[in-house]
Amino acid sequence: MATIKDVARLAGVGLGTASRVVSGKGSVSPATLERVKKAIDELGFRPSHAARALLSGSSQMIGVYIPVLSGTFYTPILQIIDTELRAAGLHMVVAFGVGLGDARRQAIEGIEFLMERGCDGLIVMTSALLDEDLEALGAKRKLLVALNHSLASIADQCFMVDHRLGGRLAARALLEHKHRDIAVVAGPSSLVDNVERIEGFMGELQEAGIDPRKLWVAESDFSPAGGWNAAKELVESGHPCTALFCANDEMAVGALSYFQEAGIRVPHDLSVIGYDDTPSAEFSAPRLTSVRMPWREMTLNGLNALLNRCYDLRRPVERSFPVSVTLRASLARAGKRVGSGAGSSASAADTAKPGNRSAARAKTGSAGDQRGAA
């Protein structure tokens, strides 16, 4: 395999000159540039990652920290980052939360792991960090970008989407479809972005004359299993509702699965709306109506800002990202029967009423047996 020394020898130039041509930094005469390029072509020279790092004085690596390496939320974001970095001749190194510490401790250790490996810059997606944790990084905090989280000490390095607006749009979609008896499956109350989307959702309903205190609300963990369990709890509660809002798509998909198991048809008997508009929403059964949060736009602009800081580039950076609702089959007008034969089945609101528990058992089979034992 050819080396930079072989290129220099064949071109009849010094090693420093050949290095300047390969790295693109520093000036050489047109004639010398042509000789070096010809030598590169003849030798089939391709600089290794280690060689590029030596030539450029940087690792050419960007570190990414995420809390967990699971589910459908982080995977598309990592794909976006990796694709962009490869196109720029850079590399991605990923760390995620491991160990026995709490989320904050895991985030700090993950960032330390990436810094120890010489990453030129960091992308961080976690709400567990505090401003004092960034202070401990010293000058290196200038080479860090936070996605979906805001920290006062690096405000211009934080890229957010408008979760309050997202929550409002979810509520507005239900209201426009005449839903007023609504249940909610929220995510962890410790996560700021979850709190914001739920506040936006409740605020929109309150402005429409619906008392949020009268809604059925459960807190879960953003997982499909959490959505399944919450949906089961909703049905067992006997609380009447015509629509369910889940604070992320994974919980919504879990809820859809439970309703299918229980014989409750979506949207014939109960409408469901999710949040994030991840790929799982498009391919669930039925296809899930979801609040489309502009994760791609947020990620690309945050990455551009980081690359500008790390490599003195001039990539475009925007900070305002559109939020919308993607309407799919899981949302229908309240009280409207969808499809043939729908009139022969009791609605979710009816089967969930305490006075109709026996009807619910007959409708849901084994799931009904479990409710009867509750």
Protein backbone atom coordinates (compact mmCIF):
# COMPACT_ATOMS: atom_id res chain seq x y z
CA MET A 1 0.00 0.00 0.00
CA ALA A 2 1.41 3.36 -1.04
CA THR A 3 2.32 5.92 1.62
CA ILE A 4 2.69 9.68 1.57
CA LYS A 5 6.48 9.12 1.44
CA ASP A 6 6.04 7.11 -1.77
CA VAL A 7 4.03 9.95 -3.27
CA ALA A 8 6.70 12.50 -2.33
CA ARG A 9 9.48 10.32 -3.75
CA LEU A 10 7.72 9.71 -7.08
CA ALA A 11 6.78 13.38 -7.45
CA GLY A 12 10.30 14.50 -6.56
CA VAL A 13 9.13 16.80 -3.76
CA GLY A 14 9.62 16.99 -0.03
CA LEU A 15 7.33 15.17 2.40
CA GLY A 16 5.93 18.48 3.65
CA THR A 17 4.97 19.56 0.14
CA ALA A 18 3.21 16.26 -0.56
CA SER A 19 1.41 16.54 2.77
CA ARG A 20 0.17 20.04 1.91
CA VAL A 21 -1.31 18.78 -1.34
CA VAL A 22 -3.03 15.80 0.31
CA SER A 23 -4.43 17.86 3.19
CA GLY A 24 -5.39 20.80 0.98
CA LYS A 25 -3.74 23.18 3.42
CA GLY A 26 -0.88 25.46 2.46
CA SER A 27 0.20 26.71 -0.93
CA VAL A 28 2.24 24.97 -3.65
CA SER A 29 3.01 26.00 -7.21
CA PRO A 30 0.70 24.78 -9.98
CA ALA A 31 3.48 22.67 -11.51
CA THR A 32 4.26 20.98 -8.18
CA LEU A 33 0.56 20.40 -7.51
CA GLU A 34 0.23 18.67 -10.87
CA ARG A 35 3.24 16.40 -10.21
CA VAL A 36 1.96 15.35 -6.80
CA LYS A 37 -1.55 14.65 -8.11
CA LYS A 38 -0.08 12.57 -10.92
CA ALA A 39 1.95 10.56 -8.41
CA ILE A 40 -1.16 10.02 -6.28
CA ASP A 41 -3.02 8.68 -9.32
CA GLU A 42 -0.18 6.41 -10.43
CA LEU A 43 0.26 4.91 -6.96
CA GLY A 44 -3.46 4.72 -6.20
CA PHE A 45 -2.69 6.48 -2.93
CA ARG A 46 -5.54 6.85 -0.45
CA PRO A 47 -4.66 8.43 2.88
CA SER A 48 -5.82 6.41 5.89
CA HIS A 49 -7.85 7.97 8.67
CA ALA A 50 -4.74 8.04 10.85
CA ALA A 51 -2.79 9.74 8.08
CA ARG A 52 -5.48 12.37 7.59
CA ALA A 53 -5.48 13.02 11.32
CA LEU A 54 -1.71 13.53 11.34
CA LEU A 55 -1.88 15.80 8.30
CA SER A 56 -4.74 17.91 9.58
CA GLY A 57 -3.81 18.01 13.25
CA SER A 58 -7.26 16.73 14.24
CA SER A 59 -8.90 13.33 14.72
CA GLN A 60 -11.53 14.00 12.02
CA MET A 61 -14.02 12.40 14.41
CA ILE A 62 -17.25 13.77 15.90
CA GLY A 63 -18.58 12.17 19.05
CA VAL A 64 -22.31 11.67 19.67
CA TYR A 65 -23.83 10.94 23.06
CA ILE A 66 -27.35 9.52 23.36
CA PRO A 67 -28.98 8.17 26.56
CA VAL A 68 -30.00 4.77 25.14
CA LEU A 69 -29.19 2.71 22.08
CA SER A 70 -32.67 1.34 21.42
CA GLY A 71 -36.02 2.16 19.87
CA THR A 72 -36.92 4.05 16.72
CA PHE A 73 -36.23 7.61 17.87
CA TYR A 74 -32.43 7.82 17.96
CA THR A 75 -31.67 5.54 14.99
CA PRO A 76 -32.79 7.98 12.25
CA ILE A 77 -30.89 10.81 13.96
CA LEU A 78 -27.69 8.75 14.07
CA GLN A 79 -28.16 7.87 10.39
CA ILE A 80 -28.46 11.55 9.49
CA ILE A 81 -25.30 12.44 11.40
CA ASP A 82 -23.27 9.53 10.04
CA THR A 83 -24.32 10.21 6.44
CA GLU A 84 -23.36 13.88 6.65
CA LEU A 85 -20.05 13.19 8.35
CA ARG A 86 -19.02 10.55 5.82
CA ALA A 87 -19.83 12.94 2.98
CA ALA A 88 -17.49 15.45 4.63
CA GLY A 89 -14.71 12.87 5.08
CA LEU A 90 -15.33 12.67 8.82
CA HIS A 91 -16.25 9.88 11.21
CA MET A 92 -18.83 9.34 13.94
CA VAL A 93 -18.15 7.80 17.35
CA VAL A 94 -21.21 7.00 19.48
CA ALA A 95 -21.48 6.62 23.23
CA PHE A 96 -24.64 5.89 25.18
CA GLY A 97 -25.65 5.61 28.80
CA VAL A 98 -24.12 2.63 30.58
CA GLY A 99 -23.13 1.83 34.15
CA LEU A 100 -24.83 2.00 37.51
CA GLY A 101 -25.03 5.77 37.87
CA ASP A 102 -28.06 7.94 37.25
CA ALA A 103 -28.73 9.58 33.87
CA ARG A 104 -26.55 12.58 34.70
CA ARG A 105 -23.59 10.44 35.77
CA GLN A 106 -23.93 8.30 32.66
CA ALA A 107 -23.99 11.39 30.44
CA ILE A 108 -20.87 12.83 32.08
CA GLU A 109 -19.01 9.52 31.71
CA GLY A 110 -20.17 9.18 28.10
CA ILE A 111 -18.84 12.62 27.23
CA GLU A 112 -15.56 11.85 28.99
CA PHE A 113 -15.31 8.62 26.97
CA LEU A 114 -15.68 10.53 23.70
CA MET A 115 -13.23 13.25 24.69
CA GLU A 116 -10.61 10.67 25.71
CA ARG A 117 -10.79 9.26 22.21
CA GLY A 118 -9.83 12.62 20.76
CA CYS A 119 -13.13 13.62 19.16
CA ASP A 120 -12.87 17.09 17.63
CA GLY A 121 -16.41 17.99 18.68
CA LEU A 122 -19.43 16.53 20.45
CA ILE A 123 -23.16 16.28 19.78
CA VAL A 124 -25.11 15.63 22.95
CA MET A 125 -28.74 14.53 23.23
CA THR A 126 -29.72 14.38 26.89
CA SER A 127 -31.65 16.51 29.34
CA ALA A 128 -29.67 15.18 32.30
CA LEU A 129 -26.69 17.55 32.02
CA LEU A 130 -26.47 20.72 34.09
CA ASP A 131 -24.67 23.95 33.26
CA GLU A 132 -22.09 23.14 35.91
CA ASP A 133 -21.23 19.92 34.06
CA LEU A 134 -20.38 21.99 31.01
CA GLU A 135 -18.32 24.39 33.10
CA ALA A 136 -16.17 21.42 34.07
CA LEU A 137 -15.27 20.89 30.40
CA GLY A 138 -13.46 24.23 30.28
CA ALA A 139 -12.61 25.49 26.81
CA LYS A 140 -13.80 22.22 25.22
CA ARG A 141 -17.41 23.16 25.86
CA LYS A 142 -17.12 25.54 22.89
CA LEU A 143 -16.89 22.45 20.67
CA LEU A 144 -20.14 20.92 21.89
CA VAL A 145 -23.66 21.18 20.47
CA ALA A 146 -26.79 20.12 22.35
CA LEU A 147 -29.79 18.79 20.43
CA ASN A 148 -33.34 18.92 21.84
CA HIS A 149 -32.13 20.47 25.06
CA SER A 150 -31.29 23.99 26.19
CA LEU A 151 -28.46 25.01 28.50
CA ALA A 152 -28.08 28.66 29.49
CA SER A 153 -24.27 28.65 29.43
CA ILE A 154 -24.16 27.55 25.76
CA ALA A 155 -27.49 28.91 24.52
CA ASP A 156 -26.22 29.61 21.00
CA GLN A 157 -24.96 26.00 20.76
CA CYS A 158 -28.39 24.48 21.54
CA PHE A 159 -30.85 23.42 18.87
CA MET A 160 -34.45 22.84 19.89
CA VAL A 161 -37.83 22.06 18.41
CA ASP A 162 -40.99 23.70 19.74
CA HIS A 163 -42.57 21.03 21.90
CA ARG A 164 -45.22 23.32 23.34
CA LEU A 165 -46.42 24.01 19.81
CA GLY A 166 -46.27 20.29 19.06
CA GLY A 167 -48.52 19.57 22.04
CA ARG A 168 -50.93 22.30 20.97
CA LEU A 169 -51.12 20.91 17.44
CA ALA A 170 -51.90 17.44 18.79
CA ALA A 171 -54.78 18.83 20.85
CA ARG A 172 -55.95 20.97 17.93
CA ALA A 173 -56.09 17.91 15.65
CA LEU A 174 -58.32 16.11 18.14
CA LEU A 175 -60.54 19.15 18.64
CA GLU A 176 -60.92 19.61 14.89
CA HIS A 177 -62.15 16.02 14.76
CA LYS A 178 -64.71 16.88 17.50
CA HIS A 179 -63.03 14.89 20.28
CA ARG A 180 -63.58 16.22 23.80
CA ASP A 181 -63.43 13.04 25.90
CA ILE A 182 -59.68 12.51 25.71
CA ALA A 183 -57.16 10.32 27.53
CA VAL A 184 -53.42 11.02 27.71
CA VAL A 185 -50.35 8.83 28.07
CA ALA A 186 -47.47 11.15 29.00
CA GLY A 187 -43.77 10.38 29.08
CA PRO A 188 -41.52 10.71 32.14
CA SER A 189 -42.21 13.89 34.10
CA SER A 190 -38.45 14.28 34.63
CA LEU A 191 -37.89 15.06 30.93
CA VAL A 192 -38.26 18.70 29.99
CA ASP A 193 -39.39 18.06 26.41
CA ASN A 194 -42.16 15.78 27.65
CA VAL A 195 -43.34 18.38 30.16
CA GLU A 196 -43.44 21.02 27.43
CA ARG A 197 -45.49 18.93 25.00
CA ILE A 198 -47.99 17.97 27.71
CA GLU A 199 -48.28 21.59 28.86
CA GLY A 200 -48.95 22.67 25.29
CA PHE A 201 -51.54 19.93 24.85
CA MET A 202 -53.38 20.75 28.08
CA GLY A 203 -53.22 24.48 27.42
CA GLU A 204 -54.89 24.11 24.03
CA LEU A 205 -57.67 21.97 25.51
CA GLN A 206 -58.24 24.43 28.33
CA GLU A 207 -58.62 27.28 25.86
CA ALA A 208 -61.29 25.16 24.15
CA GLY A 209 -63.22 24.87 27.41
CA ILE A 210 -62.01 21.41 28.46
CA ASP A 211 -60.85 21.08 32.06
CA PRO A 212 -57.49 19.21 31.95
CA ARG A 213 -58.08 17.99 35.52
CA LYS A 214 -60.95 15.84 34.26
CA LEU A 215 -58.87 13.98 31.70
CA TRP A 216 -57.59 10.47 32.29
CA VAL A 217 -53.78 10.82 32.41
CA ALA A 218 -51.09 8.18 32.90
CA GLU A 219 -47.31 8.62 33.03
CA SER A 220 -45.22 6.03 31.23
CA ASP A 221 -41.67 5.57 29.95
CA PHE A 222 -41.74 6.30 26.18
CA SER A 223 -41.52 2.55 25.36
CA PRO A 224 -43.96 0.32 23.43
CA ALA A 225 -44.42 -1.77 26.56
CA GLY A 226 -45.27 1.39 28.49
CA GLY A 227 -47.91 2.26 25.89
CA TRP A 228 -49.39 -1.24 26.05
CA ASN A 229 -49.62 -1.13 29.84
CA ALA A 230 -51.14 2.36 29.85
CA ALA A 231 -53.76 1.37 27.27
CA LYS A 232 -54.66 -1.66 29.35
CA GLU A 233 -54.93 0.54 32.44
CA LEU A 234 -57.17 2.97 30.53
CA VAL A 235 -59.61 0.26 29.51
CA GLU A 236 -59.64 -1.25 32.99
CA SER A 237 -60.29 2.16 34.54
CA GLY A 238 -63.71 2.40 32.91
CA HIS A 239 -63.03 6.02 31.96
CA PRO A 240 -65.08 7.05 28.89
CA CYS A 241 -63.06 8.54 26.03
CA THR A 242 -63.13 8.80 22.26
CA ALA A 243 -59.44 9.60 21.69
CA LEU A 244 -56.02 8.89 23.17
CA PHE A 245 -52.97 11.13 22.90
CA CYS A 246 -49.61 9.42 23.45
CA ALA A 247 -46.59 11.64 24.03
CA ASN A 248 -44.43 9.65 21.62
CA ASP A 249 -44.93 7.20 18.77
CA GLU A 250 -43.44 4.17 20.53
CA MET A 251 -46.04 4.36 23.31
CA ALA A 252 -48.75 4.94 20.71
CA VAL A 253 -47.70 1.83 18.79
CA GLY A 254 -47.78 -0.16 22.03
CA ALA A 255 -51.28 1.18 22.73
CA LEU A 256 -52.43 0.28 19.21
CA SER A 257 -51.17 -3.25 19.76
CA TYR A 258 -53.09 -3.58 23.03
CA PHE A 259 -56.30 -2.23 21.52
CA GLN A 260 -56.02 -4.72 18.67
CA GLU A 261 -55.52 -7.54 21.18
CA ALA A 262 -58.51 -6.31 23.20
CA GLY A 263 -60.80 -6.07 20.18
CA ILE A 264 -61.04 -2.27 20.31
CA ARG A 265 -60.85 -0.99 16.75
CA VAL A 266 -58.85 2.11 15.91
CA PRO A 267 -60.20 4.53 14.73
CA HIS A 268 -63.68 2.95 14.56
CA ASP A 269 -64.06 2.83 18.35
CA LEU A 270 -61.17 4.98 19.54
CA SER A 271 -58.85 7.46 17.79
CA VAL A 272 -55.12 7.52 18.62
CA ILE A 273 -52.57 10.25 17.94
CA GLY A 274 -48.82 9.98 18.57
CA TYR A 275 -45.89 12.36 18.66
CA ASP A 276 -42.55 12.57 16.76
CA ASP A 277 -43.69 11.04 13.44
CA THR A 278 -40.97 8.40 13.47
CA PRO A 279 -40.88 5.62 10.82
CA SER A 280 -42.89 3.37 13.15
CA ALA A 281 -45.88 5.74 12.77
CA GLU A 282 -46.00 5.30 9.02
CA PHE A 283 -46.01 1.51 9.17
CA SER A 284 -48.12 0.77 12.24
CA ALA A 285 -51.55 -0.83 11.88
CA PRO A 286 -53.51 1.31 11.41
CA ARG A 287 -51.05 3.94 10.23
CA LEU A 288 -50.58 6.40 13.05
CA THR A 289 -51.53 10.07 12.98
CA SER A 290 -48.61 11.85 14.63
CA VAL A 291 -47.18 15.27 15.36
CA ARG A 292 -44.28 15.71 12.97
CA MET A 293 -41.36 17.17 14.87
CA PRO A 294 -38.59 18.40 12.53
CA TRP A 295 -35.84 16.17 13.90
CA ARG A 296 -33.96 16.05 10.59
CA GLU A 297 -33.85 19.82 10.25
CA MET A 298 -32.80 20.26 13.88
CA THR A 299 -30.07 17.62 13.57
CA LEU A 300 -28.61 18.92 10.30
CA ASN A 301 -28.43 22.51 11.52
CA GLY A 302 -26.93 21.51 14.84
CA LEU A 303 -24.32 19.43 13.03
CA ASN A 304 -23.56 22.27 10.63
CA ALA A 305 -23.01 24.63 13.55
CA LEU A 306 -20.64 22.15 15.19
CA LEU A 307 -18.62 21.56 12.01
CA ASN A 308 -18.30 25.32 11.56
CA ARG A 309 -16.85 25.56 15.06
CA CYS A 310 -14.54 22.57 14.73
CA TYR A 311 -13.22 23.03 11.20
CA ASP A 312 -13.75 26.73 10.48
CA LEU A 313 -16.37 26.00 7.84
CA ARG A 314 -19.18 28.22 6.61
CA ARG A 315 -22.11 25.83 6.50
CA PRO A 316 -25.59 27.40 6.64
CA VAL A 317 -27.28 27.30 10.04
CA GLU A 318 -30.96 27.92 10.77
CA ARG A 319 -32.74 27.83 14.13
CA SER A 320 -36.44 27.86 13.30
CA PHE A 321 -37.96 24.51 12.35
CA PRO A 322 -41.54 23.78 11.20
CA VAL A 323 -43.91 21.65 13.28
CA SER A 324 -46.96 19.98 11.78
CA VAL A 325 -49.36 17.05 12.10
CA THR A 326 -49.25 14.10 9.71
CA LEU A 327 -52.80 12.82 9.37
CA ARG A 328 -53.15 9.06 8.91
CA ALA A 329 -55.73 6.35 9.49
CA SER A 330 -55.69 6.24 13.32
CA LEU A 331 -57.65 9.49 13.68
CA ALA A 332 -61.34 9.84 12.79
CA ARG A 333 -64.13 12.22 13.67
CA ALA A 334 -65.65 11.55 17.10
CA GLY A 335 -68.90 9.57 16.88
CA LYS A 336 -68.36 8.72 13.22
CA ARG A 337 -68.50 5.06 12.28
CA VAL A 338 -65.66 4.16 9.96
CA GLY A 339 -65.98 1.31 7.46
CA SER A 340 -68.63 -1.38 7.05
CA GLY A 341 -69.97 -3.26 10.04
CA ALA A 342 -68.76 -0.69 12.54
CA GLY A 343 -72.28 -0.15 13.88
CA SER A 344 -72.41 -3.65 15.25
CA SER A 345 -69.70 -3.01 17.82
CA ALA A 346 -69.83 -0.97 21.03
CA SER A 347 -67.59 2.10 21.12
CA ALA A 348 -64.46 2.27 23.28
CA ALA A 349 -66.18 4.90 25.41
CA ASP A 350 -69.10 2.54 26.02
CA THR A 351 -67.02 -0.54 26.77
CA ALA A 352 -64.82 1.46 29.14
CA LYS A 353 -67.73 2.68 31.29
CA PRO A 354 -67.89 0.92 34.68
CA GLY A 355 -71.51 -0.08 34.01
CA ASN A 356 -70.48 -1.97 30.91
CA ARG A 357 -67.64 -4.06 32.34
CA SER A 358 -69.37 -7.32 31.39
CA ALA A 359 -69.71 -6.11 27.80
CA ALA A 360 -66.04 -5.20 27.80
CA ARG A 361 -65.10 -8.69 28.98
CA ALA A 362 -67.17 -10.28 26.22
CA LYS A 363 -65.51 -7.97 23.69
CA THR A 364 -61.88 -8.46 24.75
CA GLY A 365 -61.62 -12.16 25.57
CA SER A 366 -58.58 -13.04 27.67
CA ALA A 367 -57.80 -9.37 28.30
CA GLY A 368 -61.32 -9.07 29.73
CA ASP A 369 -60.62 -12.01 32.06
CA GLN A 370 -57.64 -10.13 33.43
CA ARG A 371 -59.74 -7.03 34.01
CA GLY A 372 -62.36 -9.09 35.79
CA ALA A 373 -59.73 -10.27 38.24
CA ALA A 374 -58.51 -6.73 38.89
